[in-house]
Protein backbone atom coordinates (compact mmCIF):
# COMPACT_ATOMS: atom_id res chain seq x y z
CA MET A 1 124.27 219.76 163.95
CA GLN A 2 126.94 221.34 161.74
CA ASN A 3 127.51 218.07 159.88
CA PHE A 4 123.79 217.69 159.14
CA ASN A 5 123.62 221.32 158.01
CA SER A 6 126.53 220.82 155.64
CA LEU A 7 124.95 217.73 154.11
CA ILE A 8 121.61 219.49 153.66
CA ILE A 9 123.24 222.57 152.11
CA SER A 10 125.20 220.32 149.77
CA HIS A 11 122.00 218.56 148.70
CA TYR A 12 120.18 221.78 147.80
CA SER A 13 123.00 223.99 146.56
CA LYS A 14 123.06 224.75 142.85
CA LYS A 15 126.12 226.60 141.55
CA ASN A 16 125.20 229.92 139.92
CA LEU A 17 121.50 229.22 140.52
CA LEU A 18 120.41 232.82 140.11
CA ASN A 19 122.15 233.28 136.75
CA TYR A 20 120.81 229.91 135.63
CA LEU A 21 117.22 230.89 136.44
CA ILE A 22 117.55 234.30 134.81
CA ASN A 23 118.96 232.74 131.64
CA ARG A 24 116.04 230.31 131.49
CA ILE A 25 113.57 233.14 132.08
CA ASN A 26 115.12 235.01 129.16
CA GLU A 27 114.87 231.89 126.99
CA GLU A 28 111.16 231.81 127.71
CA GLY A 29 110.86 235.28 126.22
CA LEU A 30 110.01 236.91 129.55
CA SER A 31 111.30 240.38 130.38
CA ILE A 32 113.48 240.60 133.47
CA ASP A 33 112.50 244.26 133.79
CA SER A 34 108.78 243.46 134.11
CA LEU A 35 108.62 240.10 135.85
CA THR A 36 105.50 239.17 137.81
CA LEU A 37 104.83 236.48 140.39
CA ASP A 38 102.91 234.61 137.73
CA ASP A 39 106.07 234.42 135.60
CA LEU A 40 107.86 232.61 138.43
CA LYS A 41 105.15 230.15 139.41
CA SER A 42 106.49 227.15 137.47
CA PHE A 43 109.53 226.91 139.77
CA ASP A 44 108.80 229.30 142.64
CA GLU A 45 107.02 226.86 144.98
CA PHE A 46 109.38 224.01 145.82
CA HIS A 47 106.86 221.58 147.37
CA ILE A 48 104.01 219.22 146.52
CA GLY A 49 101.07 221.15 145.13
CA GLY A 50 103.12 224.20 144.25
CA LEU A 51 101.35 227.54 144.38
CA GLN A 52 97.94 226.03 145.16
CA ALA A 53 99.35 224.27 148.24
CA THR A 54 100.83 227.54 149.47
CA LEU A 55 97.58 229.43 149.00
CA ASP A 56 95.55 226.62 150.59
CA LEU A 57 97.69 226.89 153.72
CA ILE A 58 98.12 230.64 154.11
CA ASN A 59 94.48 231.43 153.32
CA GLN A 60 93.55 229.73 156.60
CA LEU A 61 95.74 232.00 158.73
CA ASN A 62 93.74 235.23 158.75
CA ILE A 63 96.83 237.27 157.87
CA LYS A 64 96.30 241.01 158.22
CA PRO A 65 98.27 243.87 156.61
CA ASN A 66 101.53 244.61 158.44
CA MET A 67 101.47 241.37 160.42
CA SER A 68 104.94 239.97 160.99
CA VAL A 69 105.43 236.59 159.29
CA LEU A 70 108.47 234.29 159.40
CA ASP A 71 108.89 231.65 156.69
CA ILE A 72 111.37 229.01 157.89
CA GLY A 73 113.25 227.21 155.13
CA CYS A 74 112.12 229.81 152.60
CA GLY A 75 114.12 228.40 149.69
CA ILE A 76 114.18 230.90 146.82
CA GLY A 77 111.33 232.83 148.43
CA GLY A 78 108.20 231.71 146.60
CA SER A 79 105.90 231.30 149.59
CA ALA A 80 107.24 234.44 151.26
CA ARG A 81 106.49 236.44 148.13
CA GLN A 82 102.94 235.09 148.01
CA ILE A 83 102.33 236.10 151.63
CA ALA A 84 103.73 239.59 151.06
CA PHE A 85 101.84 240.10 147.80
CA ASN A 86 98.45 238.73 148.89
CA TYR A 87 98.29 240.17 152.41
CA ASN A 88 100.72 243.11 152.50
CA ALA A 89 102.37 241.46 155.48
CA LYS A 90 105.89 242.14 156.77
CA VAL A 91 107.60 238.92 155.75
CA THR A 92 110.96 237.47 156.75
CA GLY A 93 112.49 234.34 155.23
CA ILE A 94 115.39 232.24 156.51
CA ASP A 95 117.17 229.31 154.89
CA LEU A 96 120.39 227.37 155.42
CA THR A 97 121.40 227.55 151.77
CA GLU A 98 123.17 230.80 150.92
CA GLU A 99 122.54 230.43 147.18
CA PHE A 100 118.80 230.21 147.87
CA ILE A 101 118.90 233.39 149.94
CA LYS A 102 120.79 235.31 147.25
CA THR A 103 118.32 234.10 144.64
CA ALA A 104 115.33 234.95 146.85
CA ILE A 105 116.58 238.49 147.35
CA LYS A 106 117.10 239.13 143.64
CA LEU A 107 113.83 237.57 142.45
CA THR A 108 111.94 239.56 145.07
CA GLU A 109 113.56 242.77 143.87
CA LEU A 110 112.66 241.90 140.27
CA VAL A 111 108.94 241.54 141.11
CA GLY A 112 108.94 244.73 143.20
CA LEU A 113 108.33 243.33 146.66
CA ASN A 114 110.00 244.15 149.98
CA ILE A 115 110.91 241.07 152.03
CA ARG A 116 113.77 240.46 154.45
CA PHE A 117 115.76 237.31 153.63
CA GLN A 118 118.60 236.03 155.79
CA LYS A 119 120.69 232.89 156.03
CA GLY A 120 119.63 231.10 159.20
CA SER A 121 118.71 227.80 160.82
CA ALA A 122 115.34 226.59 162.08
CA LEU A 123 117.22 225.31 165.13
CA ASP A 124 118.80 228.67 165.94
CA ILE A 125 116.42 231.32 164.63
CA PRO A 126 118.36 234.62 164.47
CA TYR A 127 115.62 236.84 165.92
CA ASP A 128 114.40 238.09 169.29
CA ASN A 129 111.60 236.62 171.39
CA ASN A 130 107.90 237.21 170.71
CA ILE A 131 108.12 239.18 167.45
CA PHE A 132 106.25 237.15 164.82
CA ASP A 133 102.48 236.90 164.46
CA ILE A 134 102.75 233.85 162.19
CA VAL A 135 105.46 231.30 161.44
CA THR A 136 105.27 229.01 158.42
CA LEU A 137 107.17 225.79 157.71
CA ILE A 138 106.51 224.41 154.23
CA HIS A 139 108.19 221.12 153.28
CA VAL A 140 111.11 221.71 155.62
CA GLY A 141 110.58 219.37 158.57
CA MET A 142 111.81 216.38 156.57
CA ASN A 143 115.33 217.85 156.86
CA ILE A 144 115.11 218.79 160.55
CA TYR A 145 116.60 216.12 162.78
CA ASN A 146 115.84 217.86 166.09
CA LYS A 147 112.20 218.80 165.95
CA ARG A 148 112.06 219.37 169.69
CA LEU A 149 114.50 222.25 169.26
CA LEU A 150 112.55 223.46 166.21
CA PHE A 151 109.35 223.76 168.23
CA SER A 152 111.20 225.40 171.11
CA GLU A 153 112.66 228.03 168.78
CA VAL A 154 109.32 228.73 167.10
CA ALA A 155 107.62 229.06 170.48
CA ARG A 156 110.32 231.52 171.48
CA VAL A 157 110.03 233.89 168.51
CA ILE A 158 106.25 233.76 168.04
CA LYS A 159 103.84 236.10 169.82
CA LYS A 160 101.41 234.83 172.45
CA THR A 161 98.55 235.13 169.97
CA GLY A 162 100.53 233.64 167.09
CA LYS A 163 99.96 230.71 164.75
CA PHE A 164 102.50 228.12 163.54
CA ALA A 165 101.45 226.71 160.15
CA ILE A 166 103.12 223.55 158.84
CA TYR A 167 102.85 221.76 155.52
CA ASP A 168 105.25 218.80 155.68
CA ILE A 169 105.70 215.29 154.38
CA MET A 170 104.93 213.06 157.36
CA ARG A 171 105.20 209.37 158.14
CA ILE A 172 101.89 207.50 158.03
CA LYS A 173 103.15 203.97 158.65
CA LYS A 174 106.42 202.10 159.00
CA GLY A 175 108.19 201.02 155.85
CA ILE A 176 111.28 201.64 153.76
CA LEU A 177 111.41 204.87 151.79
CA LYS A 178 113.14 204.63 148.44
CA TYR A 179 115.71 207.31 147.66
CA PRO A 180 116.42 209.76 146.17
CA VAL A 181 113.50 212.03 147.00
CA PRO A 182 113.34 215.82 146.54
CA TRP A 183 114.54 216.56 150.08
CA ALA A 184 117.28 213.91 150.36
CA SER A 185 119.55 211.77 148.23
CA ASN A 186 119.67 209.11 150.97
CA HIS A 187 118.51 208.44 154.52
CA LYS A 188 121.31 210.50 156.12
CA THR A 189 119.45 213.80 155.78
CA SER A 190 115.89 212.48 155.80
CA PHE A 191 114.00 212.91 159.07
CA VAL A 192 110.38 212.23 158.22
CA ASP A 193 108.30 211.99 161.40
CA SER A 194 104.69 211.15 162.16
CA PRO A 195 102.01 213.75 162.91
CA GLU A 196 101.95 212.36 166.45
CA ILE A 197 105.53 213.53 166.95
CA TYR A 198 104.57 217.03 165.81
CA PHE A 199 101.55 217.06 168.15
CA LYS A 200 103.60 215.85 171.12
CA LEU A 201 106.41 218.36 170.68
CA ALA A 202 104.00 221.22 170.02
CA LYS A 203 102.15 220.48 173.25
CA GLU A 204 105.41 220.46 175.22
CA VAL A 205 106.11 224.10 174.29
CA GLY A 206 102.58 225.41 174.75
CA PHE A 207 100.89 225.01 171.36
CA ILE A 208 97.47 223.52 170.76
CA THR A 209 96.30 222.02 167.47
CA TYR A 210 94.06 224.43 165.59
CA LYS A 211 93.61 222.58 162.29
CA LYS A 212 94.86 219.43 160.57
CA ARG A 213 94.39 218.15 157.04
CA ILE A 214 95.86 215.14 155.22
CA ARG A 215 96.49 216.03 151.57
CA LYS A 216 97.10 212.63 149.99
CA ASN A 217 94.52 212.94 147.20
CA PHE A 218 95.60 216.50 146.49
CA ALA A 219 99.20 215.27 146.13
CA LEU A 220 98.31 212.46 143.75
CA GLU A 221 96.35 214.87 141.55
CA TYR A 222 99.36 217.16 141.54
CA PHE A 223 101.67 214.40 140.32
CA LYS A 224 99.16 213.51 137.62
CA LYS A 225 99.16 217.12 136.48
CA LEU A 226 102.97 217.22 136.41
CA LYS A 227 103.08 214.20 134.12
CA ASN A 228 100.59 215.81 131.76
CA GLU A 229 102.65 218.99 131.66
CA GLN A 230 105.74 217.08 130.58
CA ASN A 231 104.23 216.93 127.11
CA LEU A 232 103.82 220.69 126.82
CA GLN A 233 106.18 222.69 124.64
CA ARG A 234 107.04 225.21 127.37
CA LYS A 235 109.04 223.05 129.74
CA ARG A 236 112.41 224.75 130.22
CA LEU A 237 111.15 226.28 133.45
CA GLY A 238 109.96 223.95 136.15
CA LEU A 239 110.90 222.29 139.41
CA LYS A 240 113.66 220.32 137.67
CA LEU A 241 115.65 223.55 137.77
CA LEU A 242 115.83 223.17 141.55
CA ILE A 243 115.45 219.42 142.03
CA GLY A 244 118.08 218.52 139.43
CA ALA A 245 118.52 216.15 136.51
CA ASP A 246 117.09 213.24 138.52
CA SER A 247 113.84 215.08 139.23
CA LYS A 248 111.77 212.42 137.48
CA ILE A 249 112.97 209.53 139.67
CA LYS A 250 112.64 211.68 142.80
CA ALA A 251 109.05 212.49 141.92
CA GLU A 252 108.28 208.83 141.17
CA ASN A 253 109.73 207.68 144.50
CA ILE A 254 107.72 210.14 146.53
CA GLU A 255 104.52 209.51 144.55
CA ASN A 256 104.87 205.75 145.05
CA ALA A 257 105.46 206.19 148.78
CA ILE A 258 102.30 208.30 149.04
CA ARG A 259 100.28 205.72 147.10
CA GLU A 260 101.56 203.02 149.47
CA ASN A 261 100.45 205.14 152.47
CA LEU A 262 103.98 205.29 153.86
CA ILE A 263 103.94 209.08 153.83
CA ALA A 264 101.61 211.95 153.01
CA PRO A 265 101.74 215.73 152.84
CA ILE A 266 99.92 217.04 155.90
CA GLU A 267 98.87 220.51 157.03
CA ILE A 268 98.87 221.27 160.74
CA ILE A 269 98.18 224.70 162.17
CA PHE A 270 99.09 225.28 165.81
CA LYS A 271 98.34 228.27 167.98
CA LYS A 272 99.49 229.35 171.42
CA LYS A 273 97.32 228.25 174.35
């Protein structure tokens, strides 16, 4: 497990990420002292569909004020901030990548929100049993090699009435994926599984499927929008800050795989029996 973790951390780590983002924010003429969530939206949601995908998922969860929510693989905290801001929930985010956690903490402070962020693994969640009302997993499962342990850990920390909401890239049919893609430079850290695997493992630990939605068309519209935005003058901020200099080829590879029906972004919401 440690070897996989090291490879995944190496893939996502960006030296001096926080300073880099703040410098780019300043270049855009935005004030660090009065940042809003809207100012961060061009890079804050590190997954297909961006902010809209996050809202589409969390708006189905009936989140109430002061509910306890865990966001696994929180990245720089975009989805966690949306949950805290929109629902006044008590949000916790964990991620393997220390630079992401440091950045998440600072950006959250800058927009005036209170969220707990901690370095941690989806396969060894650093919290007690039965304490979260909702657990979210947004574009993280593709890096998790042991999904059986993932589901076991989520079932352990979630309350008996809780929901587990997933928005992952999943395998639709057999075929060769072309790398690099946003979550992996090569096959060594890419663990894309079918929805059937998710259903099977969820059932083993006492979850039932509450909702499911395939978001292929939504994804293709998103990629179309990204291409159109490349021609806009304001383009210093954007996902390329996190994905890297090869962001264009990564986006093309994943878009082509979706068009070929090899993979698709899929929402699944589970709840305890």
